[in-house]
Amino acid sequence: MFISGTSGSAQPTATPSILTDADQKERQEAVESWWETWISDLELENIPDSFTDLYVRSAVTLGKLIDPKSGSLSASPNLQPMYYPSWIRDNAFGAVALARMGKPEPAKELLAGFCPAVQESDGSFRQCYNSKGGFTGIIAVENDQQPLFVWAVAEVYRETGDEQFVERAWPAVEQALDYTIDVIDGNGLLAASPDIAEYPSDVRQSLWTNAFAYRGFQDGAMLAELRGEDGTPYRRAARIVGNAIKRELFDQGPSNPSRLVMNGGSEVMLYDACAIYPTEWADAYDTDDQLFAELSHMVGSAWDDWVPASLMSAAMFYSRGDQEQGDALIKEMSNETTETGYLVETRSQDGSYYFASPPAWSHAAFIYALATMYLD
């Protein structure tokens, strides 16, 4: 493991100035026992044997990256490049993975404790925060993070049925939804901003951001109605954004710098699998087969260096019942590990790896994908 100790409320014992061999053995046995108990609670029964070891390692990795004091989830222990802060985007997938694998309590604390504590007064989230809530990024706001937060709260509720959790998270959810409504642009899409690519100069109205806005508004309506409130404003916003995605990014018409190009020379990215699953926008707007065909072609013919994107595509295949293709992608990504066995973030065609390791998002996406097929 890349770090020793436990994740949770257990308090460390006082450290003597000199540890004897017996002390060290006792501590090692205590740590091993703690993690054996922690692992025993994981949802593993239906996970294929060939994926179980990495599934457990992924679960433990997420557990190790949680700060038990603040409830935050670090993107990675990397100091250079700096990945130790918490991104709301990464936190969303991490929380969903935690809930799906049978560890809902840290997911709830992350979404109902840490995230509301760092939320800005206008309902937005800045790029990333340290575990104490300090801003550590260079980008003010990325418009995908607010609806991703709402989606994650809804997913954890669907996994747990915990209405008290929804009550705790609701003020932050409502603010995030209201912020997202306020940034709907004149063409019906969210205002251009940096998003998943994380480049300050890459300001765009992307399928990724707007598909999650569509899903976030739908989930916001569900959560509002669960509380006995009117979900109509959020459903209306979902229709505005959903219609705009179809019109601005898919339909033929006047030249639009945001329009996606398909059938060769594609501007569709592998992570745009999110428009099929989990956002379900493509199914609602009859573009499911078109987008699936494009993404399937990309998986079979194009190199993608970003491991989480391939894992999200595996979840897309699983969601359509294509176990063979999903398993093939999972198997391929299972080989993209360091010498110590952790999934990487990015890979190059010469076999080298770069950026963060171990990244929370890669391990969360591995669990998220497998859970879609084998635990749902």
Protein backbone atom coordinates (compact mmCIF):
# COMPACT_ATOMS: atom_id res chain seq x y z
CA MET A 1 0.00 0.00 0.00
CA PHE A 2 1.12 3.58 -0.62
CA ILE A 3 0.21 4.65 2.90
CA SER A 4 -0.22 2.82 6.18
CA GLY A 5 -2.89 3.06 8.84
CA THR A 6 -6.66 3.05 8.62
CA SER A 7 -9.39 5.08 7.00
CA GLY A 8 -12.24 6.00 9.29
CA SER A 9 -12.80 7.19 12.82
CA ALA A 10 -10.18 4.99 14.48
CA GLN A 11 -7.65 7.09 16.39
CA PRO A 12 -3.94 6.25 16.25
CA THR A 13 -2.21 5.27 19.45
CA ALA A 14 0.63 7.33 20.86
CA THR A 15 3.91 6.61 19.10
CA PRO A 16 6.80 5.63 21.40
CA SER A 17 10.22 7.02 20.64
CA ILE A 18 11.54 3.53 19.89
CA LEU A 19 9.52 0.68 18.44
CA THR A 20 10.65 -2.81 19.27
CA ASP A 21 10.24 -5.66 16.81
CA ALA A 22 7.31 -6.85 18.90
CA ASP A 23 5.69 -3.41 18.73
CA GLN A 24 6.07 -3.30 14.97
CA LYS A 25 4.66 -6.80 14.55
CA GLU A 26 1.69 -5.98 16.78
CA ARG A 27 0.94 -2.81 14.85
CA GLN A 28 1.28 -4.55 11.51
CA GLU A 29 -1.11 -7.28 12.62
CA ALA A 30 -3.60 -4.69 13.90
CA VAL A 31 -3.54 -2.82 10.57
CA GLU A 32 -3.95 -6.04 8.59
CA SER A 33 -6.86 -7.09 10.80
CA TRP A 34 -8.55 -3.70 10.40
CA TRP A 35 -8.35 -3.83 6.61
CA GLU A 36 -9.49 -7.46 6.48
CA THR A 37 -12.61 -6.41 8.37
CA TRP A 38 -13.09 -3.38 6.12
CA ILE A 39 -12.76 -5.49 2.97
CA SER A 40 -15.18 -8.09 4.30
CA ASP A 41 -18.04 -5.56 3.93
CA LEU A 42 -17.45 -4.99 0.22
CA GLU A 43 -19.99 -6.02 -2.39
CA LEU A 44 -18.00 -8.78 -4.11
CA GLU A 45 -20.31 -11.74 -4.58
CA ASN A 46 -21.00 -11.27 -8.29
CA ILE A 47 -17.70 -9.68 -9.37
CA PRO A 48 -15.85 -12.06 -11.75
CA ASP A 49 -12.83 -13.73 -10.16
CA SER A 50 -10.52 -12.31 -12.84
CA PHE A 51 -11.38 -8.75 -11.74
CA THR A 52 -11.72 -9.26 -7.98
CA ASP A 53 -8.14 -8.47 -6.94
CA LEU A 54 -8.08 -5.11 -8.73
CA TYR A 55 -11.62 -4.36 -7.57
CA VAL A 56 -10.52 -4.82 -3.94
CA ARG A 57 -7.34 -2.80 -4.53
CA SER A 58 -9.45 -0.05 -6.06
CA ALA A 59 -11.76 -0.07 -3.05
CA VAL A 60 -8.85 0.10 -0.63
CA THR A 61 -7.29 2.91 -2.66
CA LEU A 62 -10.45 4.99 -2.33
CA GLY A 63 -10.56 4.18 1.38
CA LYS A 64 -6.97 5.36 1.81
CA LEU A 65 -7.61 8.64 -0.01
CA ILE A 66 -10.42 9.69 2.34
CA ASP A 67 -9.52 12.19 5.04
CA PRO A 68 -11.47 10.98 8.11
CA LYS A 69 -11.41 14.46 9.67
CA SER A 70 -12.83 16.52 6.81
CA GLY A 71 -14.54 13.78 4.81
CA SER A 72 -12.70 14.90 1.66
CA LEU A 73 -11.45 12.53 -1.02
CA SER A 74 -8.01 13.34 -2.41
CA ALA A 75 -7.61 12.95 -6.17
CA SER A 76 -4.23 11.28 -5.60
CA PRO A 77 -1.36 11.43 -3.10
CA ASN A 78 0.82 12.99 -5.82
CA LEU A 79 2.65 16.15 -4.80
CA GLN A 80 4.15 16.81 -8.25
CA PRO A 81 2.08 17.25 -10.30
CA MET A 82 -0.19 18.46 -7.51
CA TYR A 83 -3.09 16.03 -7.30
CA TYR A 84 -3.63 15.81 -3.56
CA PRO A 85 -6.60 18.26 -3.49
CA SER A 86 -10.26 17.30 -3.91
CA TRP A 87 -12.07 17.98 -7.18
CA ILE A 88 -15.87 17.87 -6.94
CA ARG A 89 -15.89 16.00 -10.25
CA ASP A 90 -13.60 13.26 -8.92
CA ASN A 91 -15.51 13.30 -5.63
CA ALA A 92 -18.78 12.64 -7.45
CA PHE A 93 -17.50 9.46 -9.07
CA GLY A 94 -15.69 8.48 -5.89
CA ALA A 95 -18.86 8.83 -3.82
CA VAL A 96 -20.91 6.79 -6.29
CA ALA A 97 -18.26 4.07 -6.33
CA LEU A 98 -18.11 4.00 -2.51
CA ALA A 99 -21.87 3.62 -2.27
CA ARG A 100 -22.04 0.95 -4.95
CA MET A 101 -19.25 -1.12 -3.42
CA GLY A 102 -20.97 -1.19 -0.02
CA LYS A 103 -19.31 1.76 1.75
CA PRO A 104 -22.03 4.43 1.75
CA GLU A 105 -21.07 6.26 4.96
CA PRO A 106 -17.90 7.97 3.65
CA ALA A 107 -19.82 8.76 0.46
CA LYS A 108 -22.51 10.51 2.47
CA GLU A 109 -19.98 12.46 4.53
CA LEU A 110 -18.16 13.52 1.38
CA LEU A 111 -21.33 14.82 -0.30
CA ALA A 112 -23.28 16.11 2.71
CA GLY A 113 -20.33 17.25 4.80
CA PHE A 114 -17.21 18.26 2.87
CA CYS A 115 -18.77 19.47 -0.41
CA PRO A 116 -21.31 21.82 1.21
CA ALA A 117 -18.56 23.19 3.45
CA VAL A 118 -16.48 24.33 0.45
CA GLN A 119 -19.35 25.46 -1.80
CA GLU A 120 -19.22 29.09 -2.85
CA SER A 121 -21.98 31.54 -1.85
CA ASP A 122 -23.40 31.56 -5.41
CA GLY A 123 -23.80 27.76 -5.39
CA SER A 124 -20.75 27.00 -7.52
CA PHE A 125 -17.63 25.03 -6.69
CA ARG A 126 -14.17 26.24 -7.58
CA GLN A 127 -11.74 23.95 -9.38
CA CYS A 128 -10.39 22.08 -6.36
CA TYR A 129 -9.84 22.35 -2.61
CA ASN A 130 -7.45 21.00 -0.01
CA SER A 131 -8.77 18.94 2.88
CA LYS A 132 -9.16 22.07 5.00
CA GLY A 133 -11.39 23.69 2.37
CA GLY A 134 -8.81 26.06 0.91
CA PHE A 135 -8.90 26.78 -2.84
CA THR A 136 -5.90 25.15 -4.51
CA GLY A 137 -6.67 25.43 -8.21
CA ILE A 138 -6.16 27.95 -11.01
CA ILE A 139 -9.65 27.83 -12.61
CA ALA A 140 -12.48 29.71 -10.93
CA VAL A 141 -15.47 27.57 -11.92
CA GLU A 142 -16.00 24.57 -14.18
CA ASN A 143 -19.65 24.23 -15.12
CA ASP A 144 -19.74 20.44 -15.07
CA GLN A 145 -18.95 20.15 -11.35
CA GLN A 146 -22.24 21.52 -10.01
CA PRO A 147 -24.55 19.05 -11.85
CA LEU A 148 -22.10 16.21 -11.18
CA PHE A 149 -22.48 16.91 -7.48
CA VAL A 150 -26.28 16.73 -7.77
CA TRP A 151 -26.09 13.48 -9.75
CA ALA A 152 -23.83 11.93 -7.12
CA VAL A 153 -26.20 12.86 -4.28
CA ALA A 154 -29.08 11.30 -6.21
CA GLU A 155 -27.06 8.15 -6.94
CA VAL A 156 -26.07 7.68 -3.31
CA TYR A 157 -29.72 8.15 -2.32
CA ARG A 158 -30.77 5.54 -4.90
CA GLU A 159 -28.22 3.13 -3.44
CA THR A 160 -29.14 3.71 0.19
CA GLY A 161 -32.68 5.11 0.37
CA ASP A 162 -31.40 7.41 3.13
CA GLU A 163 -33.71 10.43 3.24
CA GLN A 164 -31.83 11.98 6.17
CA PHE A 165 -28.76 12.12 3.93
CA VAL A 166 -30.82 13.96 1.30
CA GLU A 167 -31.97 16.44 3.96
CA ARG A 168 -28.36 17.15 4.93
CA ALA A 169 -27.23 17.57 1.34
CA TRP A 170 -30.29 19.42 0.02
CA PRO A 171 -29.26 23.05 0.75
CA ALA A 172 -26.05 22.53 -1.25
CA VAL A 173 -27.93 20.62 -3.95
CA GLU A 174 -30.48 23.42 -4.30
CA GLN A 175 -27.75 26.05 -4.56
CA ALA A 176 -25.87 24.02 -7.16
CA LEU A 177 -29.05 23.62 -9.21
CA ASP A 178 -29.90 27.31 -9.02
CA TYR A 179 -26.36 28.24 -10.06
CA THR A 180 -26.60 25.87 -13.03
CA ILE A 181 -29.91 27.40 -14.12
CA ASP A 182 -28.32 30.84 -13.95
CA VAL A 183 -25.50 29.84 -16.35
CA ILE A 184 -27.78 28.52 -19.11
CA ASP A 185 -26.69 30.53 -22.14
CA GLY A 186 -28.80 32.06 -24.90
CA ASN A 187 -28.53 28.91 -27.04
CA GLY A 188 -29.86 26.72 -24.22
CA LEU A 189 -26.53 25.11 -23.32
CA LEU A 190 -24.55 25.95 -20.20
CA ALA A 191 -22.21 28.89 -20.69
CA ALA A 192 -18.82 27.89 -22.06
CA SER A 193 -16.23 27.08 -19.41
CA PRO A 194 -13.28 24.78 -18.85
CA ASP A 195 -14.47 21.38 -17.72
CA ILE A 196 -13.18 17.81 -17.75
CA ALA A 197 -10.08 18.64 -19.84
CA GLU A 198 -8.91 21.06 -17.11
CA TYR A 199 -7.22 23.49 -19.49
CA PRO A 200 -7.90 27.14 -18.58
CA SER A 201 -7.91 28.11 -22.27
CA ASP A 202 -10.18 25.22 -23.33
CA VAL A 203 -13.48 27.04 -22.86
CA ARG A 204 -16.36 25.26 -24.56
CA GLN A 205 -19.97 24.12 -24.48
CA SER A 206 -19.31 20.41 -24.31
CA LEU A 207 -21.50 17.33 -24.55
CA TRP A 208 -19.96 16.13 -21.27
CA THR A 209 -20.99 19.19 -19.26
CA ASN A 210 -24.43 19.54 -20.79
CA ALA A 211 -25.33 15.85 -20.57
CA PHE A 212 -24.58 15.98 -16.86
CA ALA A 213 -26.55 19.24 -16.58
CA TYR A 214 -29.53 17.43 -18.15
CA ARG A 215 -29.11 14.54 -15.69
CA GLY A 216 -28.49 16.87 -12.74
CA PHE A 217 -31.70 18.78 -13.38
CA GLN A 218 -33.67 15.54 -13.66
CA ASP A 219 -32.15 14.28 -10.43
CA GLY A 220 -32.70 17.65 -8.76
CA ALA A 221 -36.40 17.42 -9.58
CA MET A 222 -36.54 13.92 -8.11
CA LEU A 223 -34.82 15.03 -4.90
CA ALA A 224 -37.03 18.12 -4.59
CA GLU A 225 -40.17 16.04 -4.99
CA LEU A 226 -38.87 13.52 -2.48
CA ARG A 227 -38.85 16.38 0.01
CA GLY A 228 -42.37 17.47 -0.98
CA GLU A 229 -41.19 20.45 -3.02
CA ASP A 230 -41.94 21.44 -6.61
CA GLY A 231 -39.53 19.88 -9.09
CA THR A 232 -41.06 21.64 -12.10
CA PRO A 233 -38.36 24.35 -12.48
CA TYR A 234 -35.65 21.70 -12.67
CA ARG A 235 -37.56 19.52 -15.14
CA ARG A 236 -38.10 22.62 -17.28
CA ALA A 237 -34.37 23.36 -17.16
CA ALA A 238 -33.62 19.73 -18.12
CA ARG A 239 -35.81 20.12 -21.21
CA ILE A 240 -34.13 23.39 -22.18
CA VAL A 241 -30.64 21.87 -21.94
CA GLY A 242 -31.68 18.52 -23.41
CA ASN A 243 -33.29 20.17 -26.43
CA ALA A 244 -30.28 22.43 -26.89
CA ILE A 245 -27.84 19.48 -26.91
CA LYS A 246 -29.79 17.91 -29.76
CA ARG A 247 -30.19 21.14 -31.69
CA GLU A 248 -26.73 22.64 -31.16
CA LEU A 249 -24.50 19.56 -31.04
CA PHE A 250 -26.21 16.95 -33.20
CA ASP A 251 -28.71 18.39 -35.68
CA GLN A 252 -27.68 19.58 -39.11
CA GLY A 253 -27.86 23.31 -39.71
CA PRO A 254 -25.80 26.50 -39.79
CA SER A 255 -22.18 26.23 -38.79
CA ASN A 256 -21.78 26.01 -35.04
CA PRO A 257 -18.37 25.83 -33.35
CA SER A 258 -19.82 23.52 -30.72
CA ARG A 259 -21.34 21.02 -33.17
CA LEU A 260 -20.00 17.48 -32.90
CA VAL A 261 -18.62 15.87 -36.03
CA MET A 262 -19.31 12.17 -36.45
CA ASN A 263 -18.56 9.42 -38.94
CA GLY A 264 -14.88 10.15 -39.30
CA GLY A 265 -12.76 13.03 -38.03
CA SER A 266 -14.85 12.86 -34.89
CA GLU A 267 -14.86 15.51 -32.23
CA VAL A 268 -16.66 13.11 -29.94
CA MET A 269 -14.45 12.07 -27.04
CA LEU A 270 -14.49 8.67 -25.38
CA TYR A 271 -15.73 10.20 -22.12
CA ASP A 272 -18.82 11.38 -24.03
CA ALA A 273 -20.10 7.89 -23.31
CA CYS A 274 -21.69 9.72 -20.36
CA ALA A 275 -24.41 10.96 -22.74
CA ILE A 276 -25.55 7.33 -22.99
CA TYR A 277 -24.79 6.26 -19.44
CA PRO A 278 -25.32 7.42 -16.75
CA THR A 279 -27.07 10.58 -17.95
CA GLU A 280 -29.43 8.75 -20.38
CA TRP A 281 -29.71 11.89 -22.49
CA ALA A 282 -29.06 10.00 -25.76
CA ASP A 283 -31.91 7.57 -25.16
CA ALA A 284 -34.35 10.39 -24.37
CA TYR A 285 -33.41 12.20 -27.60
CA ASP A 286 -33.15 9.23 -30.00
CA THR A 287 -29.41 9.60 -30.59
CA ASP A 288 -28.47 6.49 -28.61
CA ASP A 289 -27.65 4.26 -31.58
CA GLN A 290 -25.83 7.01 -33.47
CA LEU A 291 -23.61 7.95 -30.55
CA PHE A 292 -23.06 4.33 -29.50
CA ALA A 293 -21.89 3.41 -32.99
CA GLU A 294 -19.43 6.31 -33.01
CA LEU A 295 -18.04 5.47 -29.58
CA SER A 296 -17.85 1.76 -30.37
CA HIS A 297 -15.83 2.59 -33.49
CA MET A 298 -13.49 4.75 -31.44
CA VAL A 299 -12.93 1.99 -28.88
CA GLY A 300 -12.00 -0.43 -31.64
CA SER A 301 -9.86 1.84 -33.79
CA ALA A 302 -8.51 4.83 -31.87
CA TRP A 303 -6.00 5.13 -29.07
CA ASP A 304 -7.19 6.86 -25.92
CA ASP A 305 -4.61 7.66 -23.30
CA TRP A 306 -6.98 8.52 -20.46
CA VAL A 307 -7.87 5.43 -18.43
CA PRO A 308 -11.04 6.81 -16.72
CA ALA A 309 -12.55 7.54 -20.15
CA SER A 310 -12.09 3.93 -21.24
CA LEU A 311 -13.60 2.71 -17.97
CA MET A 312 -16.61 5.00 -18.44
CA SER A 313 -17.00 3.50 -21.90
CA ALA A 314 -16.98 0.04 -20.31
CA ALA A 315 -19.88 1.18 -18.10
CA MET A 316 -21.67 2.35 -21.24
CA PHE A 317 -21.28 -1.09 -22.86
CA TYR A 318 -22.49 -2.79 -19.71
CA SER A 319 -25.51 -0.48 -19.50
CA ARG A 320 -26.56 -1.68 -22.97
CA GLY A 321 -26.11 -5.32 -22.01
CA ASP A 322 -22.89 -5.77 -23.99
CA GLN A 323 -21.00 -7.76 -21.39
CA GLU A 324 -18.41 -9.04 -23.84
CA GLN A 325 -17.24 -5.61 -24.95
CA GLY A 326 -17.42 -4.23 -21.40
CA ASP A 327 -15.34 -7.09 -20.05
CA ALA A 328 -12.82 -6.66 -22.86
CA LEU A 329 -12.29 -3.00 -21.96
CA ILE A 330 -12.07 -3.80 -18.25
CA LYS A 331 -9.48 -6.48 -19.00
CA GLU A 332 -7.47 -4.08 -21.16
CA MET A 333 -7.52 -1.38 -18.49
CA SER A 334 -6.62 -3.92 -15.80
CA ASN A 335 -3.25 -4.23 -17.54
CA GLU A 336 -2.65 -0.48 -17.24
CA THR A 337 -1.15 -0.63 -13.78
CA THR A 338 2.09 0.39 -12.15
CA GLU A 339 4.61 -2.10 -10.81
CA THR A 340 2.88 -1.78 -7.44
CA GLY A 341 -0.47 -2.74 -8.95
CA TYR A 342 -2.31 0.59 -9.04
CA LEU A 343 -4.30 1.76 -12.02
CA VAL A 344 -2.74 4.72 -13.82
CA GLU A 345 -4.38 7.90 -15.04
CA THR A 346 -2.87 8.20 -18.50
CA ARG A 347 -0.89 5.88 -20.72
CA SER A 348 1.21 6.30 -23.83
CA GLN A 349 1.52 3.92 -26.73
CA ASP A 350 5.13 3.18 -25.83
CA GLY A 351 3.93 1.63 -22.57
CA SER A 352 4.88 4.47 -20.25
CA TYR A 353 2.53 6.13 -17.78
CA TYR A 354 2.28 9.72 -16.66
CA PHE A 355 0.43 12.10 -14.35
CA ALA A 356 -1.07 10.92 -11.07
CA SER A 357 -0.79 7.51 -9.47
CA PRO A 358 -2.79 6.14 -7.86
CA PRO A 359 -5.66 8.36 -9.08
CA ALA A 360 -8.96 8.14 -7.22
CA TRP A 361 -10.93 8.59 -10.44
CA SER A 362 -9.38 5.61 -12.23
CA HIS A 363 -10.10 3.33 -9.28
CA ALA A 364 -13.58 4.79 -8.78
CA ALA A 365 -14.37 4.33 -12.48
CA PHE A 366 -13.19 0.71 -12.32
CA ILE A 367 -15.65 -0.01 -9.50
CA TYR A 368 -18.38 2.10 -11.13
CA ALA A 369 -18.11 0.17 -14.40
CA LEU A 370 -18.11 -3.30 -12.85
CA ALA A 371 -20.97 -2.38 -10.52
CA THR A 372 -23.05 -1.39 -13.55
CA MET A 373 -22.89 -4.95 -14.88
CA TYR A 374 -22.45 -7.13 -11.86
CA LEU A 375 -24.01 -5.31 -8.89
CA ASP A 376 -26.96 -3.35 -10.30
